[in-house]
Amino acid sequence: MPNCENCGRQWKWKTIVLNTLKFTNKVNCPYCGKAQYIVPKSRKQNALFSFLPAFLIITLSSIFDLGVLSVVLLAAGMLTAALSLYPFIMKLSNEDKQLQPKKQA
């Protein structure tokens, strides 16, 4: 679970998930109120968690010919798993660090 870089307090799971659903890079610490920013590596991992379930659902439903109910249950399970795991990989920073494009050789 991430800690605020200003006050050092650890954030609760619910706070992290609610701030993640706002689709913004800036989040305010619930304890000291100072702005915290999600580091680029965590944003990349969040993007992966966003697209991976959709890819898996489409792939698995076409391979195993799943019905609508099975797809809905699979989607709910994957969403729950992603929201459960994300707070453990999220890191915070006092500075707004921008994503850097990869340099091509």
Protein backbone atom coordinates (compact mmCIF):
# COMPACT_ATOMS: atom_id res chain seq x y z
CA MET A 1 0.00 0.00 0.00
CA PRO A 2 1.34 3.45 -0.83
CA ASN A 3 2.47 5.97 1.75
CA CYS A 4 2.16 9.74 1.50
CA GLU A 5 5.59 11.26 0.91
CA ASN A 6 4.64 14.31 3.01
CA CYS A 7 3.22 12.82 6.20
CA GLY A 8 4.37 9.21 5.74
CA ARG A 9 0.98 7.69 6.59
CA GLN A 10 -0.18 4.63 4.74
CA TRP A 11 -3.34 5.00 2.68
CA LYS A 12 -6.30 2.71 3.10
CA TRP A 13 -7.37 0.38 0.30
CA LYS A 14 -10.74 2.10 -0.13
CA THR A 15 -9.10 5.53 -0.50
CA ILE A 16 -6.75 4.24 -3.20
CA VAL A 17 -9.49 2.57 -5.22
CA LEU A 18 -11.78 5.61 -5.06
CA ASN A 19 -8.95 7.92 -6.16
CA THR A 20 -8.00 5.54 -8.96
CA LEU A 21 -11.53 5.66 -10.35
CA LYS A 22 -11.25 9.44 -10.82
CA PHE A 23 -8.91 8.94 -13.83
CA THR A 24 -6.55 11.69 -12.75
CA ASN A 25 -2.88 11.63 -11.89
CA LYS A 26 -3.24 13.98 -8.91
CA VAL A 27 -4.68 12.73 -5.63
CA ASN A 28 -4.82 14.50 -2.28
CA CYS A 29 -3.62 12.75 0.86
CA PRO A 30 -6.62 12.02 3.11
CA TYR A 31 -4.50 12.76 6.19
CA CYS A 32 -2.43 15.89 5.42
CA GLY A 33 -4.31 17.15 2.33
CA LYS A 34 -1.12 17.62 0.26
CA ALA A 35 -1.14 16.73 -3.43
CA GLN A 36 0.37 13.37 -4.35
CA TYR A 37 0.99 12.09 -7.86
CA ILE A 38 0.93 8.56 -9.15
CA VAL A 39 4.38 7.69 -10.52
CA PRO A 40 4.65 6.82 -14.25
CA LYS A 41 5.45 3.16 -13.62
CA SER A 42 2.23 2.76 -11.63
CA ARG A 43 0.26 4.53 -14.37
CA LYS A 44 1.65 2.09 -16.95
CA GLN A 45 0.71 -0.85 -14.76
CA ASN A 46 -2.77 0.63 -14.29
CA ALA A 47 -3.15 0.84 -18.07
CA LEU A 48 -2.16 -2.81 -18.34
CA PHE A 49 -4.70 -3.73 -15.66
CA SER A 50 -7.32 -1.81 -17.63
CA PHE A 51 -6.77 -3.50 -20.98
CA LEU A 52 -5.68 -6.99 -19.97
CA PRO A 53 -9.09 -8.09 -18.62
CA ALA A 54 -10.86 -6.96 -21.81
CA PHE A 55 -8.32 -8.82 -23.94
CA LEU A 56 -8.65 -11.97 -21.81
CA ILE A 57 -12.44 -11.85 -21.85
CA ILE A 58 -12.56 -11.55 -25.63
CA THR A 59 -9.97 -14.27 -26.10
CA LEU A 60 -11.47 -16.71 -23.60
CA SER A 61 -15.02 -16.16 -24.81
CA SER A 62 -14.03 -16.90 -28.39
CA ILE A 63 -11.90 -19.94 -27.51
CA PHE A 64 -14.36 -21.55 -25.10
CA ASP A 65 -17.57 -20.21 -26.70
CA LEU A 66 -18.79 -18.69 -23.42
CA GLY A 67 -22.34 -17.50 -22.94
CA VAL A 68 -23.37 -14.01 -21.90
CA LEU A 69 -23.72 -14.91 -18.21
CA SER A 70 -20.27 -16.51 -18.16
CA VAL A 71 -18.72 -13.43 -19.80
CA VAL A 72 -20.41 -11.12 -17.27
CA LEU A 73 -19.21 -13.25 -14.34
CA LEU A 74 -15.70 -13.44 -15.80
CA ALA A 75 -15.64 -9.66 -16.26
CA ALA A 76 -16.84 -9.06 -12.69
CA GLY A 77 -14.20 -11.44 -11.34
CA MET A 78 -11.40 -9.81 -13.32
CA LEU A 79 -12.50 -6.32 -12.32
CA THR A 80 -12.55 -7.36 -8.67
CA ALA A 81 -9.08 -8.91 -8.99
CA ALA A 82 -7.64 -5.82 -10.70
CA LEU A 83 -9.10 -3.44 -8.11
CA SER A 84 -7.84 -5.69 -5.32
CA LEU A 85 -4.27 -5.85 -6.62
CA TYR A 86 -3.75 -2.29 -7.85
CA PRO A 87 -3.37 -0.64 -4.42
CA PHE A 88 -0.41 -2.93 -3.69
CA ILE A 89 1.54 -1.81 -6.77
CA MET A 90 0.63 1.89 -6.70
CA LYS A 91 3.42 4.29 -5.76
CA LEU A 92 3.11 8.00 -4.97
CA SER A 93 5.40 10.99 -5.39
CA ASN A 94 5.40 14.66 -4.40
CA GLU A 95 6.30 15.63 -7.97
CA ASP A 96 4.27 15.23 -11.13
CA LYS A 97 6.58 13.10 -13.25
CA GLN A 98 5.48 12.79 -16.86
CA LEU A 99 5.55 9.59 -18.88
CA GLN A 100 8.65 9.58 -21.05
CA PRO A 101 8.38 8.16 -24.58
CA LYS A 102 10.75 5.33 -25.41
CA LYS A 103 13.81 6.38 -27.34
CA GLN A 104 14.21 4.66 -30.66
CA ALA A 105 17.64 3.55 -31.76
